[in-house]
Amino acid sequence: MANNEKVVLDAMKKVGKPVRPGDVAKITGLDKENVSKAIKELKNKGKINFPKRCFYAPV
């Protein structure tokens, strides 16, 4: 797992509820583009899901 993916996943777990990519960017300090790339990879690996439109949460 790439470093950004781990940071994003950890931030999502810490929040404890579905979050938007922009919120993850604010929490982690990462660029929104990097957060979106990490979310895409995590989604492809089955590590996160999207319970509602534009919101993501760890599995």
PDB file of N, CA and C in Angstrom:
ATOM      1  N   MET A   1       0.851  -1.172   0.000  1.00  0.00           N
ATOM      2  CA  MET A   1       0.000   0.000   0.000  1.00  0.00           C
ATOM      3  C   MET A   1       0.901   1.241   0.000  1.00  0.00           C
ATOM      4  N   ALA A   2       0.613   2.166  -0.885  1.00  0.00           N
ATOM      5  CA  ALA A   2       1.403   3.397  -0.984  1.00  0.00           C
ATOM      6  C   ALA A   2       1.186   4.264   0.259  1.00  0.00           C
ATOM      7  N   ASN A   3       2.125   5.141   0.516  1.00  0.00           N
ATOM      8  CA  ASN A   3       2.074   5.982   1.711  1.00  0.00           C
ATOM      9  C   ASN A   3       0.802   6.824   1.769  1.00  0.00           C
ATOM     10  N   ASN A   4       0.436   7.490   0.651  1.00  0.00           N
ATOM     11  CA  ASN A   4      -0.775   8.315   0.638  1.00  0.00           C
ATOM     12  C   ASN A   4      -2.022   7.482   0.909  1.00  0.00           C
ATOM     13  N   GLU A   5      -2.048   6.271   0.389  1.00  0.00           N
ATOM     14  CA  GLU A   5      -3.195   5.398   0.620  1.00  0.00           C
ATOM     15  C   GLU A   5      -3.329   5.084   2.106  1.00  0.00           C
ATOM     16  N   LYS A   6      -2.221   4.808   2.763  1.00  0.00           N
ATOM     17  CA  LYS A   6      -2.251   4.508   4.196  1.00  0.00           C
ATOM     18  C   LYS A   6      -2.721   5.722   4.991  1.00  0.00           C
ATOM     19  N   VAL A   7      -2.217   6.892   4.638  1.00  0.00           N
ATOM     20  CA  VAL A   7      -2.600   8.129   5.335  1.00  0.00           C
ATOM     21  C   VAL A   7      -4.104   8.376   5.176  1.00  0.00           C
ATOM     22  N   VAL A   8      -4.605   8.210   3.959  1.00  0.00           N
ATOM     23  CA  VAL A   8      -6.029   8.430   3.691  1.00  0.00           C
ATOM     24  C   VAL A   8      -6.881   7.415   4.444  1.00  0.00           C
ATOM     25  N   LEU A   9      -6.502   6.147   4.397  1.00  0.00           N
ATOM     26  CA  LEU A   9      -7.266   5.103   5.077  1.00  0.00           C
ATOM     27  C   LEU A   9      -7.270   5.325   6.591  1.00  0.00           C
ATOM     28  N   ASP A  10      -6.119   5.677   7.149  1.00  0.00           N
ATOM     29  CA  ASP A  10      -6.037   5.950   8.586  1.00  0.00           C
ATOM     30  C   ASP A  10      -6.921   7.131   8.981  1.00  0.00           C
ATOM     31  N   ALA A  11      -6.938   8.170   8.159  1.00  0.00           N
ATOM     32  CA  ALA A  11      -7.774   9.344   8.443  1.00  0.00           C
ATOM     33  C   ALA A  11      -9.254   8.966   8.422  1.00  0.00           C
ATOM     34  N   MET A  12      -9.650   8.140   7.456  1.00  0.00           N
ATOM     35  CA  MET A  12     -11.044   7.706   7.374  1.00  0.00           C
ATOM     36  C   MET A  12     -11.429   6.885   8.606  1.00  0.00           C
ATOM     37  N   LYS A  13     -10.534   6.019   9.036  1.00  0.00           N
ATOM     38  CA  LYS A  13     -10.812   5.197  10.223  1.00  0.00           C
ATOM     39  C   LYS A  13     -10.931   6.078  11.467  1.00  0.00           C
ATOM     40  N   LYS A  14     -10.088   7.095  11.542  1.00  0.00           N
ATOM     41  CA  LYS A  14     -10.079   7.983  12.701  1.00  0.00           C
ATOM     42  C   LYS A  14     -11.389   8.780  12.800  1.00  0.00           C
ATOM     43  N   VAL A  15     -11.920   9.234  11.655  1.00  0.00           N
ATOM     44  CA  VAL A  15     -13.164  10.006  11.641  1.00  0.00           C
ATOM     45  C   VAL A  15     -14.333   9.122  12.066  1.00  0.00           C
ATOM     46  N   GLY A  16     -14.363   7.882  11.591  1.00  0.00           N
ATOM     47  CA  GLY A  16     -15.380   6.937  12.018  1.00  0.00           C
ATOM     48  C   GLY A  16     -16.732   7.066  11.335  1.00  0.00           C
ATOM     49  N   LYS A  17     -16.803   7.863  10.284  1.00  0.00           N
ATOM     50  CA  LYS A  17     -18.039   7.972   9.507  1.00  0.00           C
ATOM     51  C   LYS A  17     -17.659   8.263   8.063  1.00  0.00           C
ATOM     52  N   PRO A  18     -18.575   8.074   7.123  1.00  0.00           N
ATOM     53  CA  PRO A  18     -18.251   8.353   5.723  1.00  0.00           C
ATOM     54  C   PRO A  18     -17.848   9.817   5.529  1.00  0.00           C
ATOM     55  N   VAL A  19     -16.792  10.029   4.741  1.00  0.00           N
ATOM     56  CA  VAL A  19     -16.271  11.374   4.504  1.00  0.00           C
ATOM     57  C   VAL A  19     -16.072  11.635   3.017  1.00  0.00           C
ATOM     58  N   ARG A  20     -16.031  12.912   2.677  1.00  0.00           N
ATOM     59  CA  ARG A  20     -15.787  13.311   1.291  1.00  0.00           C
ATOM     60  C   ARG A  20     -14.284  13.489   1.094  1.00  0.00           C
ATOM     61  N   PRO A  21     -13.825  13.382  -0.136  1.00  0.00           N
ATOM     62  CA  PRO A  21     -12.395  13.559  -0.405  1.00  0.00           C
ATOM     63  C   PRO A  21     -11.852  14.906   0.077  1.00  0.00           C
ATOM     64  N   GLY A  22     -12.625  15.966  -0.063  1.00  0.00           N
ATOM     65  CA  GLY A  22     -12.185  17.277   0.396  1.00  0.00           C
ATOM     66  C   GLY A  22     -11.954  17.315   1.894  1.00  0.00           C
ATOM     67  N   ASP A  23     -12.805  16.606   2.633  1.00  0.00           N
ATOM     68  CA  ASP A  23     -12.630  16.535   4.092  1.00  0.00           C
ATOM     69  C   ASP A  23     -11.358  15.777   4.450  1.00  0.00           C
ATOM     70  N   VAL A  24     -11.090  14.706   3.720  1.00  0.00           N
ATOM     71  CA  VAL A  24      -9.870  13.926   3.965  1.00  0.00           C
ATOM     72  C   VAL A  24      -8.647  14.790   3.663  1.00  0.00           C
ATOM     73  N   ALA A  25      -8.711  15.593   2.609  1.00  0.00           N
ATOM     74  CA  ALA A  25      -7.595  16.474   2.267  1.00  0.00           C
ATOM     75  C   ALA A  25      -7.332  17.469   3.393  1.00  0.00           C
ATOM     76  N   LYS A  26      -8.384  18.026   3.968  1.00  0.00           N
ATOM     77  CA  LYS A  26      -8.223  18.979   5.073  1.00  0.00           C
ATOM     78  C   LYS A  26      -7.618  18.303   6.302  1.00  0.00           C
ATOM     79  N   ILE A  27      -8.078  17.101   6.601  1.00  0.00           N
ATOM     80  CA  ILE A  27      -7.603  16.371   7.785  1.00  0.00           C
ATOM     81  C   ILE A  27      -6.128  15.989   7.642  1.00  0.00           C
ATOM     82  N   THR A  28      -5.767  15.497   6.460  1.00  0.00           N
ATOM     83  CA  THR A  28      -4.429  14.962   6.265  1.00  0.00           C
ATOM     84  C   THR A  28      -3.411  15.997   5.807  1.00  0.00           C
ATOM     85  N   GLY A  29      -3.883  17.082   5.205  1.00  0.00           N
ATOM     86  CA  GLY A  29      -2.980  18.082   4.656  1.00  0.00           C
ATOM     87  C   GLY A  29      -2.469  17.717   3.269  1.00  0.00           C
ATOM     88  N   LEU A  30      -2.982  16.631   2.713  1.00  0.00           N
ATOM     89  CA  LEU A  30      -2.602  16.224   1.358  1.00  0.00           C
ATOM     90  C   LEU A  30      -3.372  17.038   0.328  1.00  0.00           C
ATOM     91  N   ASP A  31      -2.837  17.116  -0.863  1.00  0.00           N
ATOM     92  CA  ASP A  31      -3.494  17.765  -1.983  1.00  0.00           C
ATOM     93  C   ASP A  31      -4.737  16.951  -2.376  1.00  0.00           C
ATOM     94  N   LYS A  32      -5.806  17.624  -2.792  1.00  0.00           N
ATOM     95  CA  LYS A  32      -7.051  16.921  -3.161  1.00  0.00           C
ATOM     96  C   LYS A  32      -6.825  15.912  -4.268  1.00  0.00           C
ATOM     97  N   GLU A  33      -5.954  16.246  -5.204  1.00  0.00           N
ATOM     98  CA  GLU A  33      -5.672  15.326  -6.314  1.00  0.00           C
ATOM     99  C   GLU A  33      -5.041  14.037  -5.800  1.00  0.00           C
ATOM    100  N   ASN A  34      -4.099  14.155  -4.859  1.00  0.00           N
ATOM    101  CA  ASN A  34      -3.466  12.969  -4.287  1.00  0.00           C
ATOM    102  C   ASN A  34      -4.460  12.142  -3.476  1.00  0.00           C
ATOM    103  N   VAL A  35      -5.366  12.816  -2.775  1.00  0.00           N
ATOM    104  CA  VAL A  35      -6.400  12.109  -2.013  1.00  0.00           C
ATOM    105  C   VAL A  35      -7.304  11.335  -2.970  1.00  0.00           C
ATOM    106  N   SER A  36      -7.698  11.964  -4.068  1.00  0.00           N
ATOM    107  CA  SER A  36      -8.569  11.290  -5.042  1.00  0.00           C
ATOM    108  C   SER A  36      -7.894  10.068  -5.648  1.00  0.00           C
ATOM    109  N   LYS A  37      -6.601  10.175  -5.954  1.00  0.00           N
ATOM    110  CA  LYS A  37      -5.862   9.025  -6.495  1.00  0.00           C
ATOM    111  C   LYS A  37      -5.796   7.893  -5.469  1.00  0.00           C
ATOM    112  N   ALA A  38      -5.529   8.250  -4.207  1.00  0.00           N
ATOM    113  CA  ALA A  38      -5.448   7.242  -3.151  1.00  0.00           C
ATOM    114  C   ALA A  38      -6.806   6.564  -2.958  1.00  0.00           C
ATOM    115  N   ILE A  39      -7.877   7.345  -2.974  1.00  0.00           N
ATOM    116  CA  ILE A  39      -9.226   6.785  -2.823  1.00  0.00           C
ATOM    117  C   ILE A  39      -9.532   5.825  -3.967  1.00  0.00           C
ATOM    118  N   LYS A  40      -9.158   6.190  -5.174  1.00  0.00           N
ATOM    119  CA  LYS A  40      -9.399   5.319  -6.327  1.00  0.00           C
ATOM    120  C   LYS A  40      -8.685   3.983  -6.152  1.00  0.00           C
ATOM    121  N   GLU A  41      -7.419   4.030  -5.727  1.00  0.00           N
ATOM    122  CA  GLU A  41      -6.663   2.802  -5.519  1.00  0.00           C
ATOM    123  C   GLU A  41      -7.245   1.966  -4.380  1.00  0.00           C
ATOM    124  N   LEU A  42      -7.615   2.622  -3.287  1.00  0.00           N
ATOM    125  CA  LEU A  42      -8.204   1.900  -2.152  1.00  0.00           C
ATOM    126  C   LEU A  42      -9.532   1.252  -2.549  1.00  0.00           C
ATOM    127  N   LYS A  43     -10.304   1.953  -3.374  1.00  0.00           N
ATOM    128  CA  LYS A  43     -11.576   1.408  -3.847  1.00  0.00           C
ATOM    129  C   LYS A  43     -11.326   0.182  -4.719  1.00  0.00           C
ATOM    130  N   ASN A  44     -10.328   0.266  -5.605  1.00  0.00           N
ATOM    131  CA  ASN A  44      -9.996  -0.868  -6.478  1.00  0.00           C
ATOM    132  C   ASN A  44      -9.515  -2.079  -5.690  1.00  0.00           C
ATOM    133  N   LYS A  45      -8.844  -1.832  -4.562  1.00  0.00           N
ATOM    134  CA  LYS A  45      -8.339  -2.919  -3.716  1.00  0.00           C
ATOM    135  C   LYS A  45      -9.389  -3.440  -2.738  1.00  0.00           C
ATOM    136  N   GLY A  46     -10.562  -2.808  -2.701  1.00  0.00           N
ATOM    137  CA  GLY A  46     -11.621  -3.265  -1.812  1.00  0.00           C
ATOM    138  C   GLY A  46     -11.442  -2.845  -0.360  1.00  0.00           C
ATOM    139  N   LYS A  47     -10.601  -1.850  -0.114  1.00  0.00           N
ATOM    140  CA  LYS A  47     -10.335  -1.399   1.264  1.00  0.00           C
ATOM    141  C   LYS A  47     -11.353  -0.373   1.746  1.00  0.00           C
ATOM    142  N   ILE A  48     -12.018   0.307   0.804  1.00  0.00           N
ATOM    143  CA  ILE A  48     -13.045   1.289   1.176  1.00  0.00           C
ATOM    144  C   ILE A  48     -14.288   1.044   0.326  1.00  0.00           C
ATOM    145  N   ASN A  49     -15.399   1.573   0.796  1.00  0.00           N
ATOM    146  CA  ASN A  49     -16.631   1.518   0.014  1.00  0.00           C
ATOM    147  C   ASN A  49     -17.235   2.910  -0.026  1.00  0.00           C
ATOM    148  N   PHE A  50     -18.324   3.053  -0.752  1.00  0.00           N
ATOM    149  CA  PHE A  50     -18.972   4.352  -0.844  1.00  0.00           C
ATOM    150  C   PHE A  50     -20.453   4.181  -0.548  1.00  0.00           C
ATOM    151  N   PRO A  51     -20.814   4.388   0.744  1.00  0.00           N
ATOM    152  CA  PRO A  51     -22.184   4.180   1.178  1.00  0.00           C
ATOM    153  C   PRO A  51     -23.185   5.151   0.558  1.00  0.00           C
ATOM    154  N   LYS A  52     -22.734   6.344   0.189  1.00  0.00           N
ATOM    155  CA  LYS A  52     -23.587   7.260  -0.537  1.00  0.00           C
ATOM    156  C   LYS A  52     -22.719   8.100  -1.456  1.00  0.00           C
ATOM    157  N   ARG A  53     -23.343   8.753  -2.412  1.00  0.00           N
ATOM    158  CA  ARG A  53     -22.622   9.467  -3.446  1.00  0.00           C
ATOM    159  C   ARG A  53     -21.616  10.458  -2.868  1.00  0.00           C
ATOM    160  N   CYS A  54     -20.385  10.373  -3.335  1.00  0.00           N
ATOM    161  CA  CYS A  54     -19.272  11.261  -2.961  1.00  0.00           C
ATOM    162  C   CYS A  54     -18.794  11.106  -1.527  1.00  0.00           C
ATOM    163  N   PHE A  55     -19.215  10.070  -0.841  1.00  0.00           N
ATOM    164  CA  PHE A  55     -18.749   9.806   0.517  1.00  0.00           C
ATOM    165  C   PHE A  55     -18.085   8.431   0.534  1.00  0.00           C
ATOM    166  N   TYR A  56     -17.005   8.319   1.272  1.00  0.00           N
ATOM    167  CA  TYR A  56     -16.242   7.077   1.313  1.00  0.00           C
ATOM    168  C   TYR A  56     -15.980   6.682   2.766  1.00  0.00           C
ATOM    169  N   ALA A  57     -15.902   5.371   2.992  1.00  0.00           N
ATOM    170  CA  ALA A  57     -15.665   4.856   4.347  1.00  0.00           C
ATOM    171  C   ALA A  57     -14.855   3.571   4.241  1.00  0.00           C
ATOM    172  N   PRO A  58     -14.039   3.274   5.267  1.00  0.00           N
ATOM    173  CA  PRO A  58     -13.286   2.005   5.248  1.00  0.00           C
ATOM    174  C   PRO A  58     -14.225   0.812   5.364  1.00  0.00           C
ATOM    175  N   VAL A  59     -13.826  -0.292   4.781  1.00  0.00           N
ATOM    176  CA  VAL A  59     -14.638  -1.512   4.833  1.00  0.00           C
ATOM    177  C   VAL A  59     -14.536  -2.119   6.203  1.00  0.00           C
TER     178      VAL A  59
END
